[in-house]
Amino acid sequence: MGSDSALEQAVLALAERRPLLRARELAEQGLPTVVLSRLVSAGKLDRVARGVYTLPDRALSEHRSLAEVALRVPRGVVCLLSALRVHGIGTQAPFEVWIAIPRHSPRPRLDRPALRVVRMSGTALTEGIEPMEIDGVKVPVFNAAKTVADCFKYRNKIGLDVALEALRDGWSQRKLTIDALWHYATVDRVANVMRPYLESVTA
């Protein structure tokens, strides 16, 4: 490609199309990544995380941190309090991103956003994933029923009161069905724990 200014224009055009731009996307387009640091120095791009950039003053969603984590932790799935927030269930407003990763994966090393890592395996990690588009990034998030079952499974981490609130609020908003709750309660091996609470909300 031609001059420095032509390269910068090409990178900025890419940033227009992608709310969160990864350095490796430049390489895929045959653009040199050194242009990114020049644009950041000139105030034309903001670096939001290692290897992730955005246009200054760009309006990004409240869930932007989830998109950043999805770019940096490709095998992670948004779970528990962060998933409740995405689904609009309950009153939790976590300052960390809750992410499920395979049991033997190394812990992701991110300077920001802050992470709460939960290790899962088998169907507990692979079932109930609903990819959501957040700021142009496909983010894997557990669906509402799987998230509520997870809240009961990890009640010692987050508190039984949070799990109960999620169940009642999700049920009253009609974001949950009894069949889906039973299914994920079985996947998570918490059917016996959840049974009395399921009976009370459906009574």
Protein backbone atom coordinates (compact mmCIF):
# COMPACT_ATOMS: atom_id res chain seq x y z
CA MET A 1 0.00 0.00 0.00
CA GLY A 2 1.04 3.59 -0.49
CA SER A 3 1.82 6.54 1.73
CA ASP A 4 1.52 6.79 5.51
CA SER A 5 -1.63 8.90 5.24
CA ALA A 6 -3.23 6.35 2.88
CA LEU A 7 -2.42 3.59 5.39
CA GLU A 8 -3.90 5.64 8.25
CA GLN A 9 -7.07 6.28 6.23
CA ALA A 10 -7.40 2.55 5.50
CA VAL A 11 -7.06 1.70 9.22
CA LEU A 12 -9.56 4.39 10.26
CA ALA A 13 -12.01 3.12 7.62
CA LEU A 14 -11.68 -0.35 9.17
CA ALA A 15 -12.27 1.12 12.65
CA GLU A 16 -15.46 2.78 11.34
CA ARG A 17 -16.84 -0.63 10.40
CA ARG A 18 -15.71 -2.41 13.59
CA PRO A 19 -16.53 -0.79 16.94
CA LEU A 20 -13.71 -2.81 18.51
CA LEU A 21 -10.78 -3.27 16.13
CA ARG A 22 -8.19 -5.99 16.74
CA ALA A 23 -4.58 -5.58 15.66
CA ARG A 24 -4.74 -8.96 13.95
CA GLU A 25 -7.55 -7.73 11.68
CA LEU A 26 -5.05 -5.28 10.17
CA ALA A 27 -2.66 -8.12 9.40
CA GLU A 28 -5.52 -10.00 7.70
CA GLN A 29 -6.06 -6.93 5.47
CA GLY A 30 -2.35 -6.61 4.73
CA LEU A 31 -2.04 -3.40 6.79
CA PRO A 32 1.00 -2.83 9.06
CA THR A 33 0.07 -2.81 12.77
CA VAL A 34 2.64 -0.05 13.43
CA VAL A 35 0.02 2.38 12.08
CA LEU A 36 -2.09 1.72 15.21
CA SER A 37 0.43 3.28 17.61
CA ARG A 38 0.79 6.30 15.30
CA LEU A 39 -2.99 6.80 15.29
CA VAL A 40 -3.15 6.42 19.09
CA SER A 41 -0.34 9.03 19.50
CA ALA A 42 -2.24 11.37 17.17
CA GLY A 43 -5.45 10.92 19.22
CA LYS A 44 -7.30 9.38 16.27
CA LEU A 45 -7.68 5.96 17.95
CA ASP A 46 -8.01 4.81 21.57
CA ARG A 47 -6.34 1.64 22.82
CA VAL A 48 -8.92 -0.04 25.07
CA ALA A 49 -6.98 -3.22 25.83
CA ARG A 50 -3.91 -5.02 24.56
CA GLY A 51 -4.39 -5.43 20.81
CA VAL A 52 -7.89 -3.86 20.85
CA TYR A 53 -8.66 -0.33 19.58
CA THR A 54 -11.66 1.93 19.01
CA LEU A 55 -12.42 5.38 17.62
CA PRO A 56 -12.38 8.14 20.28
CA ASP A 57 -15.82 9.25 21.53
CA ARG A 58 -17.46 6.23 19.95
CA ALA A 59 -20.69 5.34 21.71
CA LEU A 60 -20.25 1.75 22.82
CA SER A 61 -22.77 -0.35 24.70
CA GLU A 62 -22.78 -0.82 28.47
CA HIS A 63 -21.62 -4.39 27.79
CA ARG A 64 -18.45 -3.32 25.97
CA SER A 65 -16.20 -5.03 28.55
CA LEU A 66 -17.83 -8.36 27.60
CA ALA A 67 -16.91 -7.77 23.95
CA GLU A 68 -13.31 -6.96 24.98
CA VAL A 69 -13.09 -10.19 27.00
CA ALA A 70 -14.59 -12.26 24.15
CA LEU A 71 -11.85 -10.98 21.84
CA ARG A 72 -9.12 -11.84 24.35
CA VAL A 73 -10.47 -15.12 25.82
CA PRO A 74 -11.71 -17.04 22.77
CA ARG A 75 -12.80 -20.16 24.71
CA GLY A 76 -14.57 -18.23 27.45
CA VAL A 77 -18.35 -17.96 27.96
CA VAL A 78 -19.97 -15.04 29.81
CA CYS A 79 -21.66 -16.52 32.90
CA LEU A 80 -23.30 -15.94 36.29
CA LEU A 81 -23.61 -12.27 37.36
CA SER A 82 -22.43 -10.88 33.99
CA ALA A 83 -24.90 -13.11 32.11
CA LEU A 84 -27.75 -12.06 34.47
CA ARG A 85 -26.91 -8.45 33.63
CA VAL A 86 -26.99 -9.12 29.88
CA HIS A 87 -30.40 -10.83 30.21
CA GLY A 88 -31.77 -8.02 32.42
CA ILE A 89 -32.52 -10.40 35.31
CA GLY A 90 -32.11 -9.42 38.97
CA THR A 91 -30.33 -6.40 40.44
CA GLN A 92 -26.67 -7.47 40.29
CA ALA A 93 -24.27 -4.96 38.72
CA PRO A 94 -20.90 -6.72 38.75
CA PHE A 95 -17.75 -4.63 38.30
CA GLU A 96 -15.89 -7.72 37.08
CA VAL A 97 -16.63 -9.82 34.00
CA TRP A 98 -17.68 -13.33 35.06
CA ILE A 99 -16.32 -15.81 32.54
CA ALA A 100 -16.45 -19.62 32.35
CA ILE A 101 -13.41 -21.38 30.88
CA PRO A 102 -12.50 -25.06 30.40
CA ARG A 103 -11.28 -26.74 33.58
CA HIS A 104 -7.64 -27.14 32.55
CA SER A 105 -7.21 -23.91 30.59
CA PRO A 106 -4.61 -21.47 31.90
CA ARG A 107 -6.08 -18.43 33.64
CA PRO A 108 -6.42 -15.53 31.13
CA ARG A 109 -3.93 -12.73 31.77
CA LEU A 110 -5.76 -9.45 31.25
CA ASP A 111 -4.81 -6.10 32.72
CA ARG A 112 -8.40 -4.94 32.28
CA PRO A 113 -11.30 -5.44 32.47
CA ALA A 114 -11.21 -7.29 35.80
CA LEU A 115 -12.20 -10.97 35.49
CA ARG A 116 -13.89 -13.51 37.76
CA VAL A 117 -12.98 -16.90 36.32
CA VAL A 118 -15.20 -19.96 36.85
CA ARG A 119 -13.99 -23.32 35.61
CA MET A 120 -16.53 -25.65 34.00
CA SER A 121 -16.27 -28.88 32.04
CA GLY A 122 -18.33 -31.17 29.80
CA THR A 123 -21.92 -30.20 29.01
CA ALA A 124 -21.91 -27.62 31.82
CA LEU A 125 -19.54 -25.59 29.61
CA THR A 126 -20.91 -26.43 26.16
CA GLU A 127 -24.72 -26.37 26.62
CA GLY A 128 -26.95 -23.31 26.66
CA ILE A 129 -24.61 -20.90 24.86
CA GLU A 130 -26.31 -18.06 22.96
CA PRO A 131 -23.91 -15.88 20.95
CA MET A 132 -24.86 -12.19 21.23
CA GLU A 133 -23.62 -9.35 19.07
CA ILE A 134 -22.07 -6.66 21.29
CA ASP A 135 -20.24 -3.75 19.62
CA GLY A 136 -19.69 -5.78 16.47
CA VAL A 137 -18.25 -8.77 18.35
CA LYS A 138 -19.95 -12.18 18.68
CA VAL A 139 -19.92 -12.82 22.44
CA PRO A 140 -20.79 -16.30 23.80
CA VAL A 141 -23.23 -15.91 26.72
CA PHE A 142 -25.10 -18.62 28.63
CA ASN A 143 -28.86 -18.32 28.09
CA ALA A 144 -31.17 -17.21 30.90
CA ALA A 145 -32.21 -20.69 32.12
CA LYS A 146 -28.63 -22.03 32.10
CA THR A 147 -27.48 -18.92 33.99
CA VAL A 148 -30.13 -19.41 36.70
CA ALA A 149 -29.11 -23.08 37.09
CA ASP A 150 -25.46 -21.95 37.31
CA CYS A 151 -26.42 -19.49 40.07
CA PHE A 152 -27.69 -22.43 42.15
CA LYS A 153 -24.63 -24.52 41.31
CA TYR A 154 -22.27 -21.72 42.36
CA ARG A 155 -24.44 -20.45 45.24
CA ASN A 156 -21.44 -20.68 47.58
CA LYS A 157 -19.63 -18.15 45.36
CA ILE A 158 -22.46 -15.69 44.74
CA GLY A 159 -24.98 -16.37 47.54
CA LEU A 160 -28.25 -18.31 47.56
CA ASP A 161 -30.17 -15.01 47.77
CA VAL A 162 -28.78 -14.00 44.34
CA ALA A 163 -29.84 -17.35 42.85
CA LEU A 164 -33.35 -17.03 44.30
CA GLU A 165 -33.72 -13.45 43.06
CA ALA A 166 -32.59 -14.54 39.58
CA LEU A 167 -35.11 -17.40 39.53
CA ARG A 168 -38.04 -15.26 40.71
CA ASP A 169 -37.23 -12.26 38.52
CA GLY A 170 -36.51 -14.34 35.41
CA TRP A 171 -39.74 -16.28 35.97
CA SER A 172 -41.87 -13.14 36.48
CA GLN A 173 -40.39 -11.59 33.29
CA ARG A 174 -41.22 -14.84 31.42
CA LYS A 175 -37.59 -15.29 30.39
CA LEU A 176 -37.55 -18.84 31.80
CA THR A 177 -39.56 -21.98 31.16
CA ILE A 178 -39.87 -24.86 33.58
CA ASP A 179 -38.62 -27.32 30.93
CA ALA A 180 -35.47 -25.31 30.28
CA LEU A 181 -34.81 -24.84 34.01
CA TRP A 182 -35.16 -28.60 34.65
CA HIS A 183 -32.90 -29.38 31.71
CA TYR A 184 -30.06 -27.14 32.90
CA ALA A 185 -30.59 -28.12 36.55
CA THR A 186 -29.88 -31.70 35.40
CA VAL A 187 -26.87 -30.63 33.30
CA ASP A 188 -25.48 -28.78 36.34
CA ARG A 189 -26.45 -31.61 38.74
CA VAL A 190 -28.47 -29.29 40.97
CA ALA A 191 -31.97 -30.68 40.28
CA ASN A 192 -32.42 -31.73 43.93
CA VAL A 193 -31.24 -28.34 45.18
CA MET A 194 -33.53 -26.43 42.81
CA ARG A 195 -36.64 -28.64 43.06
CA PRO A 196 -38.28 -26.92 46.08
CA TYR A 197 -37.62 -23.45 44.67
CA LEU A 198 -38.98 -24.40 41.24
CA GLU A 199 -42.09 -25.78 42.89
CA SER A 200 -42.57 -22.55 44.86
CA VAL A 201 -42.33 -20.23 41.81
CA THR A 202 -44.64 -22.39 39.69
CA ALA A 203 -47.19 -23.01 42.47
